[in-house]
PDB file of N, CA and C in Angstrom:
ATOM      1  N   MET A   1     -79.241 140.355-105.268  1.00  0.00           N
ATOM      2  CA  MET A   1     -80.181 139.473-105.939  1.00  0.00           C
ATOM      3  C   MET A   1     -79.405 138.433-106.751  1.00  0.00           C
ATOM      4  N   GLU A   2     -79.785 137.184-106.612  1.00  0.00           N
ATOM      5  CA  GLU A   2     -79.154 136.072-107.335  1.00  0.00           C
ATOM      6  C   GLU A   2     -79.514 136.147-108.821  1.00  0.00           C
ATOM      7  N   PRO A   3     -78.514 135.950-109.721  1.00  0.00           N
ATOM      8  CA  PRO A   3     -78.827 135.937-111.151  1.00  0.00           C
ATOM      9  C   PRO A   3     -79.821 134.824-111.480  1.00  0.00           C
ATOM     10  N   GLU A   4     -80.537 134.981-112.575  1.00  0.00           N
ATOM     11  CA  GLU A   4     -81.490 133.956-112.999  1.00  0.00           C
ATOM     12  C   GLU A   4     -80.761 132.660-113.324  1.00  0.00           C
ATOM     13  N   VAL A   5     -81.470 131.558-113.138  1.00  0.00           N
ATOM     14  CA  VAL A   5     -80.915 130.239-113.392  1.00  0.00           C
ATOM     15  C   VAL A   5     -81.749 129.561-114.463  1.00  0.00           C
ATOM     16  N   PHE A   6     -81.067 128.996-115.457  1.00  0.00           N
ATOM     17  CA  PHE A   6     -81.721 128.284-116.544  1.00  0.00           C
ATOM     18  C   PHE A   6     -81.128 126.877-116.604  1.00  0.00           C
ATOM     19  N   VAL A   7     -81.968 125.884-116.867  1.00  0.00           N
ATOM     20  CA  VAL A   7     -81.519 124.498-116.899  1.00  0.00           C
ATOM     21  C   VAL A   7     -81.720 123.936-118.301  1.00  0.00           C
ATOM     22  N   MET A   8     -80.624 123.483-118.897  1.00  0.00           N
ATOM     23  CA  MET A   8     -80.714 122.843-120.206  1.00  0.00           C
ATOM     24  C   MET A   8     -81.348 121.454-120.037  1.00  0.00           C
ATOM     25  N   THR A   9     -82.071 120.997-121.028  1.00  0.00           N
ATOM     26  CA  THR A   9     -82.712 119.686-120.987  1.00  0.00           C
ATOM     27  C   THR A   9     -81.699 118.580-120.752  1.00  0.00           C
ATOM     28  N   ARG A  10     -80.532 118.687-121.344  1.00  0.00           N
ATOM     29  CA  ARG A  10     -79.525 117.634-121.197  1.00  0.00           C
ATOM     30  C   ARG A  10     -79.031 117.488-119.757  1.00  0.00           C
ATOM     31  N   ALA A  11     -79.219 118.509-118.921  1.00  0.00           N
ATOM     32  CA  ALA A  11     -78.817 118.421-117.516  1.00  0.00           C
ATOM     33  C   ALA A  11     -79.730 117.486-116.729  1.00  0.00           C
ATOM     34  N   LEU A  12     -80.861 117.115-117.314  1.00  0.00           N
ATOM     35  CA  LEU A  12     -81.837 116.269-116.628  1.00  0.00           C
ATOM     36  C   LEU A  12     -81.714 114.803-117.025  1.00  0.00           C
ATOM     37  N   LYS A  13     -80.707 114.456-117.815  1.00  0.00           N
ATOM     38  CA  LYS A  13     -80.609 113.095-118.350  1.00  0.00           C
ATOM     39  C   LYS A  13     -80.298 112.032-117.302  1.00  0.00           C
ATOM     40  N   HIS A  14     -79.889 112.432-116.098  1.00  0.00           N
ATOM     41  CA  HIS A  14     -79.572 111.460-115.050  1.00  0.00           C
ATOM     42  C   HIS A  14     -80.745 111.258-114.082  1.00  0.00           C
ATOM     43  N   GLY A  15     -81.943 111.682-114.490  1.00  0.00           N
ATOM     44  CA  GLY A  15     -83.134 111.411-113.701  1.00  0.00           C
ATOM     45  C   GLY A  15     -83.537 112.466-112.695  1.00  0.00           C
ATOM     46  N   LEU A  16     -82.836 113.578-112.661  1.00  0.00           N
ATOM     47  CA  LEU A  16     -83.214 114.670-111.766  1.00  0.00           C
ATOM     48  C   LEU A  16     -84.251 115.558-112.437  1.00  0.00           C
ATOM     49  N   THR A  17     -85.083 116.211-111.631  1.00  0.00           N
ATOM     50  CA  THR A  17     -86.037 117.166-112.180  1.00  0.00           C
ATOM     51  C   THR A  17     -85.397 118.551-112.217  1.00  0.00           C
ATOM     52  N   GLU A  18     -85.995 119.441-112.970  1.00  0.00           N
ATOM     53  CA  GLU A  18     -85.495 120.820-113.025  1.00  0.00           C
ATOM     54  C   GLU A  18     -85.524 121.451-111.638  1.00  0.00           C
ATOM     55  N   ALA A  19     -86.585 121.203-110.883  1.00  0.00           N
ATOM     56  CA  ALA A  19     -86.703 121.770-109.533  1.00  0.00           C
ATOM     57  C   ALA A  19     -85.582 121.261-108.625  1.00  0.00           C
ATOM     58  N   GLN A  20     -85.253 119.971-108.699  1.00  0.00           N
ATOM     59  CA  GLN A  20     -84.176 119.416-107.871  1.00  0.00           C
ATOM     60  C   GLN A  20     -82.834 120.040-108.228  1.00  0.00           C
ATOM     61  N   VAL A  21     -82.586 120.232-109.517  1.00  0.00           N
ATOM     62  CA  VAL A  21     -81.323 120.809-109.973  1.00  0.00           C
ATOM     63  C   VAL A  21     -81.196 122.259-109.512  1.00  0.00           C
ATOM     64  N   VAL A  22     -82.242 123.036-109.688  1.00  0.00           N
ATOM     65  CA  VAL A  22     -82.215 124.449-109.275  1.00  0.00           C
ATOM     66  C   VAL A  22     -82.058 124.557-107.764  1.00  0.00           C
ATOM     67  N   GLN A  23     -82.746 123.705-107.034  1.00  0.00           N
ATOM     68  CA  GLN A  23     -82.623 123.754-105.578  1.00  0.00           C
ATOM     69  C   GLN A  23     -81.205 123.424-105.130  1.00  0.00           C
ATOM     70  N   ALA A  24     -80.596 122.413-105.756  1.00  0.00           N
ATOM     71  CA  ALA A  24     -79.206 122.065-105.419  1.00  0.00           C
ATOM     72  C   ALA A  24     -78.268 123.231-105.748  1.00  0.00           C
ATOM     73  N   TRP A  25     -78.509 123.893-106.871  1.00  0.00           N
ATOM     74  CA  TRP A  25     -77.702 125.050-107.267  1.00  0.00           C
ATOM     75  C   TRP A  25     -77.812 126.157-106.212  1.00  0.00           C
ATOM     76  N   GLN A  26     -79.015 126.403-105.744  1.00  0.00           N
ATOM     77  CA  GLN A  26     -79.249 127.483-104.794  1.00  0.00           C
ATOM     78  C   GLN A  26     -78.819 127.121-103.371  1.00  0.00           C
ATOM     79  N   ASN A  27     -78.745 125.838-103.050  1.00  0.00           N
ATOM     80  CA  ASN A  27     -78.400 125.379-101.699  1.00  0.00           C
ATOM     81  C   ASN A  27     -77.081 124.629-101.710  1.00  0.00           C
ATOM     82  N   HIS A  28     -76.092 125.235-102.315  1.00  0.00           N
ATOM     83  CA  HIS A  28     -74.803 124.551-102.448  1.00  0.00           C
ATOM     84  C   HIS A  28     -73.973 124.651-101.164  1.00  0.00           C
ATOM     85  N   ILE A  29     -73.116 123.639-100.989  1.00  0.00           N
ATOM     86  CA  ILE A  29     -72.195 123.627 -99.854  1.00  0.00           C
ATOM     87  C   ILE A  29     -70.769 123.905-100.303  1.00  0.00           C
ATOM     88  N   GLY A  30     -70.574 123.933-101.599  1.00  0.00           N
ATOM     89  CA  GLY A  30     -69.265 124.234-102.155  1.00  0.00           C
ATOM     90  C   GLY A  30     -69.404 124.656-103.605  1.00  0.00           C
ATOM     91  N   ARG A  31     -68.548 125.590-104.027  1.00  0.00           N
ATOM     92  CA  ARG A  31     -68.592 126.053-105.424  1.00  0.00           C
ATOM     93  C   ARG A  31     -67.181 126.449-105.828  1.00  0.00           C
ATOM     94  N   VAL A  32     -66.764 125.990-106.997  1.00  0.00           N
ATOM     95  CA  VAL A  32     -65.473 126.403-107.539  1.00  0.00           C
ATOM     96  C   VAL A  32     -65.681 126.992-108.925  1.00  0.00           C
ATOM     97  N   LEU A  33     -64.843 127.942-109.254  1.00  0.00           N
ATOM     98  CA  LEU A  33     -64.861 128.591-110.560  1.00  0.00           C
ATOM     99  C   LEU A  33     -63.826 127.922-111.443  1.00  0.00           C
ATOM    100  N   ARG A  34     -64.204 127.671-112.685  1.00  0.00           N
ATOM    101  CA  ARG A  34     -63.270 127.108-113.665  1.00  0.00           C
ATOM    102  C   ARG A  34     -63.367 127.936-114.938  1.00  0.00           C
ATOM    103  N   ILE A  35     -62.214 128.206-115.547  1.00  0.00           N
ATOM    104  CA  ILE A  35     -62.204 128.933-116.819  1.00  0.00           C
ATOM    105  C   ILE A  35     -61.908 127.936-117.929  1.00  0.00           C
ATOM    106  N   ASP A  36     -62.802 127.891-118.920  1.00  0.00           N
ATOM    107  CA  ASP A  36     -62.650 126.987-120.055  1.00  0.00           C
ATOM    108  C   ASP A  36     -61.503 127.482-120.926  1.00  0.00           C
ATOM    109  N   ARG A  37     -60.497 126.645-121.089  1.00  0.00           N
ATOM    110  CA  ARG A  37     -59.327 127.049-121.875  1.00  0.00           C
ATOM    111  C   ARG A  37     -59.630 127.236-123.351  1.00  0.00           C
ATOM    112  N   SER A  38     -60.648 126.552-123.859  1.00  0.00           N
ATOM    113  CA  SER A  38     -60.924 126.639-125.294  1.00  0.00           C
ATOM    114  C   SER A  38     -61.613 127.940-125.691  1.00  0.00           C
ATOM    115  N   ASP A  39     -62.486 128.469-124.812  1.00  0.00           N
ATOM    116  CA  ASP A  39     -63.211 129.687-125.203  1.00  0.00           C
ATOM    117  C   ASP A  39     -63.213 130.783-124.137  1.00  0.00           C
ATOM    118  N   GLY A  40     -62.557 130.556-123.007  1.00  0.00           N
ATOM    119  CA  GLY A  40     -62.486 131.575-121.965  1.00  0.00           C
ATOM    120  C   GLY A  40     -63.745 131.721-121.145  1.00  0.00           C
ATOM    121  N   GLY A  41     -64.732 130.857-121.398  1.00  0.00           N
ATOM    122  CA  GLY A  41     -65.985 130.921-120.643  1.00  0.00           C
ATOM    123  C   GLY A  41     -65.776 130.549-119.185  1.00  0.00           C
ATOM    124  N   ILE A  42     -66.641 131.067-118.336  1.00  0.00           N
ATOM    125  CA  ILE A  42     -66.553 130.801-116.901  1.00  0.00           C
ATOM    126  C   ILE A  42     -67.607 129.765-116.521  1.00  0.00           C
ATOM    127  N   ASP A  43     -67.139 128.669-115.939  1.00  0.00           N
ATOM    128  CA  ASP A  43     -68.016 127.615-115.445  1.00  0.00           C
ATOM    129  C   ASP A  43     -67.925 127.564-113.929  1.00  0.00           C
ATOM    130  N   TYR A  44     -69.009 127.141-113.311  1.00  0.00           N
ATOM    131  CA  TYR A  44     -69.044 126.908-111.873  1.00  0.00           C
ATOM    132  C   TYR A  44     -69.433 125.467-111.623  1.00  0.00           C
ATOM    133  N   LYS A  45     -68.666 124.787-110.795  1.00  0.00           N
ATOM    134  CA  LYS A  45     -68.999 123.429-110.353  1.00  0.00           C
ATOM    135  C   LYS A  45     -69.452 123.559-108.915  1.00  0.00           C
ATOM    136  N   THR A  46     -70.622 122.999-108.600  1.00  0.00           N
ATOM    137  CA  THR A  46     -71.150 123.057-107.248  1.00  0.00           C
ATOM    138  C   THR A  46     -71.621 121.680-106.797  1.00  0.00           C
ATOM    139  N   ILE A  47     -71.731 121.537-105.512  1.00  0.00           N
ATOM    140  CA  ILE A  47     -72.437 120.408-104.931  1.00  0.00           C
ATOM    141  C   ILE A  47     -73.421 121.005-103.943  1.00  0.00           C
ATOM    142  N   GLY A  48     -74.678 120.621-104.105  1.00  0.00           N
ATOM    143  CA  GLY A  48     -75.727 121.121-103.234  1.00  0.00           C
ATOM    144  C   GLY A  48     -76.724 120.025-102.947  1.00  0.00           C
ATOM    145  N   PHE A  49     -77.803 120.393-102.285  1.00  0.00           N
ATOM    146  CA  PHE A  49     -78.805 119.404-101.891  1.00  0.00           C
ATOM    147  C   PHE A  49     -80.188 119.764-102.409  1.00  0.00           C
ATOM    148  N   SER A  50     -80.892 118.731-102.875  1.00  0.00           N
ATOM    149  CA  SER A  50     -82.284 118.902-103.272  1.00  0.00           C
ATOM    150  C   SER A  50     -83.141 118.908-102.007  1.00  0.00           C
ATOM    151  N   LYS A  51     -84.425 119.228-102.135  1.00  0.00           N
ATOM    152  CA  LYS A  51     -85.290 119.258-100.953  1.00  0.00           C
ATOM    153  C   LYS A  51     -85.461 117.878-100.339  1.00  0.00           C
ATOM    154  N   GLU A  52     -85.185 116.828-101.128  1.00  0.00           N
ATOM    155  CA  GLU A  52     -85.248 115.457-100.613  1.00  0.00           C
ATOM    156  C   GLU A  52     -83.974 115.058 -99.872  1.00  0.00           C
ATOM    157  N   GLY A  53     -82.986 115.960 -99.855  1.00  0.00           N
ATOM    158  CA  GLY A  53     -81.736 115.689 -99.167  1.00  0.00           C
ATOM    159  C   GLY A  53     -80.702 114.963-100.012  1.00  0.00           C
ATOM    160  N   ARG A  54     -80.942 114.853-101.312  1.00  0.00           N
ATOM    161  CA  ARG A  54     -79.993 114.203-102.211  1.00  0.00           C
ATOM    162  C   ARG A  54     -78.860 115.158-102.556  1.00  0.00           C
ATOM    163  N   ALA A  55     -77.623 114.686-102.433  1.00  0.00           N
ATOM    164  CA  ALA A  55     -76.469 115.489-102.854  1.00  0.00           C
ATOM    165  C   ALA A  55     -76.429 115.481-104.375  1.00  0.00           C
ATOM    166  N   VAL A  56     -76.278 116.656-104.973  1.00  0.00           N
ATOM    167  CA  VAL A  56     -76.315 116.798-106.425  1.00  0.00           C
ATOM    168  C   VAL A  56     -75.111 117.613-106.887  1.00  0.00           C
ATOM    169  N   GLU A  57     -74.417 117.103-107.880  1.00  0.00           N
ATOM    170  CA  GLU A  57     -73.318 117.814-108.536  1.00  0.00           C
ATOM    171  C   GLU A  57     -73.920 118.614-109.687  1.00  0.00           C
ATOM    172  N   VAL A  58     -73.606 119.895-109.756  1.00  0.00           N
ATOM    173  CA  VAL A  58     -74.175 120.771-110.778  1.00  0.00           C
ATOM    174  C   VAL A  58     -73.052 121.590-111.418  1.00  0.00           C
ATOM    175  N   THR A  59     -73.081 121.694-112.753  1.00  0.00           N
ATOM    176  CA  THR A  59     -72.125 122.532-113.472  1.00  0.00           C
ATOM    177  C   THR A  59     -72.900 123.511-114.339  1.00  0.00           C
ATOM    178  N   ALA A  60     -72.509 124.783-114.265  1.00  0.00           N
ATOM    179  CA  ALA A  60     -73.198 125.833-115.013  1.00  0.00           C
ATOM    180  C   ALA A  60     -72.194 126.763-115.666  1.00  0.00           C
ATOM    181  N   ARG A  61     -72.624 127.386-116.751  1.00  0.00           N
ATOM    182  CA  ARG A  61     -71.833 128.389-117.459  1.00  0.00           C
ATOM    183  C   ARG A  61     -72.404 129.754-117.127  1.00  0.00           C
ATOM    184  N   ALA A  62     -71.526 130.690-116.760  1.00  0.00           N
ATOM    185  CA  ALA A  62     -71.941 132.068-116.509  1.00  0.00           C
ATOM    186  C   ALA A  62     -72.253 132.727-117.850  1.00  0.00           C
ATOM    187  N   LYS A  63     -73.426 133.297-117.946  1.00  0.00           N
ATOM    188  CA  LYS A  63     -73.871 133.997-119.156  1.00  0.00           C
ATOM    189  C   LYS A  63     -74.294 135.408-118.762  1.00  0.00           C
ATOM    190  N   PRO A  64     -74.366 136.338-119.715  1.00  0.00           N
ATOM    191  CA  PRO A  64     -74.789 137.703-119.374  1.00  0.00           C
ATOM    192  C   PRO A  64     -76.191 137.756-118.752  1.00  0.00           C
ATOM    193  N   TYR A  65     -77.031 136.795-119.080  1.00  0.00           N
ATOM    194  CA  TYR A  65     -78.413 136.785-118.597  1.00  0.00           C
ATOM    195  C   TYR A  65     -78.604 135.937-117.329  1.00  0.00           C
ATOM    196  N   GLY A  66     -77.546 135.270-116.844  1.00  0.00           N
ATOM    197  CA  GLY A  66     -77.671 134.445-115.648  1.00  0.00           C
ATOM    198  C   GLY A  66     -76.781 133.217-115.722  1.00  0.00           C
ATOM    199  N   SER A  67     -77.168 132.169-115.029  1.00  0.00           N
ATOM    200  CA  SER A  67     -76.400 130.921-115.002  1.00  0.00           C
ATOM    201  C   SER A  67     -77.128 129.854-115.804  1.00  0.00           C
ATOM    202  N   LEU A  68     -76.407 129.206-116.716  1.00  0.00           N
ATOM    203  CA  LEU A  68     -76.978 128.173-117.572  1.00  0.00           C
ATOM    204  C   LEU A  68     -76.441 126.819-117.115  1.00  0.00           C
ATOM    205  N   ILE A  69     -77.289 126.043-116.450  1.00  0.00           N
ATOM    206  CA  ILE A  69     -76.890 124.723-115.952  1.00  0.00           C
ATOM    207  C   ILE A  69     -76.932 123.734-117.106  1.00  0.00           C
ATOM    208  N   TYR A  70     -75.783 123.091-117.358  1.00  0.00           N
ATOM    209  CA  TYR A  70     -75.725 122.136-118.468  1.00  0.00           C
ATOM    210  C   TYR A  70     -75.389 120.717-118.025  1.00  0.00           C
ATOM    211  N   HIS A  71     -75.106 120.530-116.733  1.00  0.00           N
ATOM    212  CA  HIS A  71     -74.805 119.189-116.234  1.00  0.00           C
ATOM    213  C   HIS A  71     -75.252 119.070-114.783  1.00  0.00           C
ATOM    214  N   ALA A  72     -75.876 117.927-114.457  1.00  0.00           N
ATOM    215  CA  ALA A  72     -76.253 117.640-113.076  1.00  0.00           C
ATOM    216  C   ALA A  72     -76.348 116.130-112.900  1.00  0.00           C
ATOM    217  N   ASN A  73     -75.842 115.647-111.790  1.00  0.00           N
ATOM    218  CA  ASN A  73     -76.008 114.227-111.492  1.00  0.00           C
ATOM    219  C   ASN A  73     -75.919 113.977-109.996  1.00  0.00           C
ATOM    220  N   THR A  74     -76.464 112.847-109.615  1.00  0.00           N
ATOM    221  CA  THR A  74     -76.434 112.422-108.218  1.00  0.00           C
ATOM    222  C   THR A  74     -76.141 110.942-108.172  1.00  0.00           C
ATOM    223  N   PRO A  75     -75.314 110.479-107.280  1.00  0.00           N
ATOM    224  CA  PRO A  75     -74.525 111.253-106.323  1.00  0.00           C
ATOM    225  C   PRO A  75     -73.368 111.961-107.022  1.00  0.00           C
ATOM    226  N   PRO A  76     -72.768 112.950-106.369  1.00  0.00           N
ATOM    227  CA  PRO A  76     -71.611 113.634-106.959  1.00  0.00           C
ATOM    228  C   PRO A  76     -70.468 112.648-107.201  1.00  0.00           C
ATOM    229  N   THR A  77     -69.697 112.913-108.227  1.00  0.00           N
ATOM    230  CA  THR A  77     -68.554 112.057-108.540  1.00  0.00           C
ATOM    231  C   THR A  77     -67.432 112.280-107.530  1.00  0.00           C
ATOM    232  N   GLU A  78     -66.580 111.276-107.416  1.00  0.00           N
ATOM    233  CA  GLU A  78     -65.401 111.396-106.541  1.00  0.00           C
ATOM    234  C   GLU A  78     -64.557 112.601-106.966  1.00  0.00           C
ATOM    235  N   ARG A  79     -64.420 112.781-108.272  1.00  0.00           N
ATOM    236  CA  ARG A  79     -63.628 113.899-108.799  1.00  0.00           C
ATOM    237  C   ARG A  79     -64.196 115.243-108.341  1.00  0.00           C
ATOM    238  N   ALA A  80     -65.523 115.399-108.426  1.00  0.00           N
ATOM    239  CA  ALA A  80     -66.156 116.653-108.005  1.00  0.00           C
ATOM    240  C   ALA A  80     -65.974 116.893-106.510  1.00  0.00           C
ATOM    241  N   LEU A  81     -66.118 115.847-105.723  1.00  0.00           N
ATOM    242  CA  LEU A  81     -65.917 115.982-104.276  1.00  0.00           C
ATOM    243  C   LEU A  81     -64.500 116.451-103.963  1.00  0.00           C
ATOM    244  N   ARG A  82     -63.512 115.852-104.641  1.00  0.00           N
ATOM    245  CA  ARG A  82     -62.115 116.263-104.420  1.00  0.00           C
ATOM    246  C   ARG A  82     -61.891 117.701-104.889  1.00  0.00           C
ATOM    247  N   GLU A  83     -62.448 118.032-106.057  1.00  0.00           N
ATOM    248  CA  GLU A  83     -62.269 119.369-106.620  1.00  0.00           C
ATOM    249  C   GLU A  83     -62.799 120.456-105.684  1.00  0.00           C
ATOM    250  N   LEU A  84     -63.872 120.151-104.966  1.00  0.00           N
ATOM    251  CA  LEU A  84     -64.448 121.104-104.039  1.00  0.00           C
ATOM    252  C   LEU A  84     -63.909 120.963-102.626  1.00  0.00           C
ATOM    253  N   GLY A  85     -62.920 120.085-102.449  1.00  0.00           N
ATOM    254  CA  GLY A  85     -62.310 119.910-101.137  1.00  0.00           C
ATOM    255  C   GLY A  85     -63.221 119.245-100.126  1.00  0.00           C
ATOM    256  N   LEU A  86     -64.119 118.395-100.620  1.00  0.00           N
ATOM    257  CA  LEU A  86     -65.075 117.738 -99.734  1.00  0.00           C
ATOM    258  C   LEU A  86     -64.756 116.264 -99.514  1.00  0.00           C
ATOM    259  N   GLY A  87     -63.563 115.850 -99.849  1.00  0.00           N
ATOM    260  CA  GLY A  87     -63.171 114.452 -99.630  1.00  0.00           C
ATOM    261  C   GLY A  87     -63.758 113.517-100.659  1.00  0.00           C
ATOM    262  N   THR A  88     -64.137 112.320-100.205  1.00  0.00           N
ATOM    263  CA  THR A  88     -64.703 111.313-101.097  1.00  0.00           C
ATOM    264  C   THR A  88     -65.984 110.771-100.504  1.00  0.00           C
ATOM    265  N   ARG A  89     -66.695 109.973-101.314  1.00  0.00           N
ATOM    266  CA  ARG A  89     -67.958 109.400-100.852  1.00  0.00           C
ATOM    267  C   ARG A  89     -67.739 108.406 -99.747  1.00  0.00           C
TER     268      ARG A  89
END
């Protein structure tokens, strides 16, 4: 069973809806794990697709209660594409 997903309001500042962000998170084509050096927290960077077919970059923090999405934007940045080994736009 997939852990619960929560979306912070600030993750929607680039015009995506909560449903689009969650769908991209659940339908990812790539995911990398990153450990935050300042606090040891575990973050996941993903690129997935909304039901409209938009590529969305999503970043979430692993929490005991599930995944907390704190950043999302479309289209994915060049940096995110490279980080996930997906080339460039």
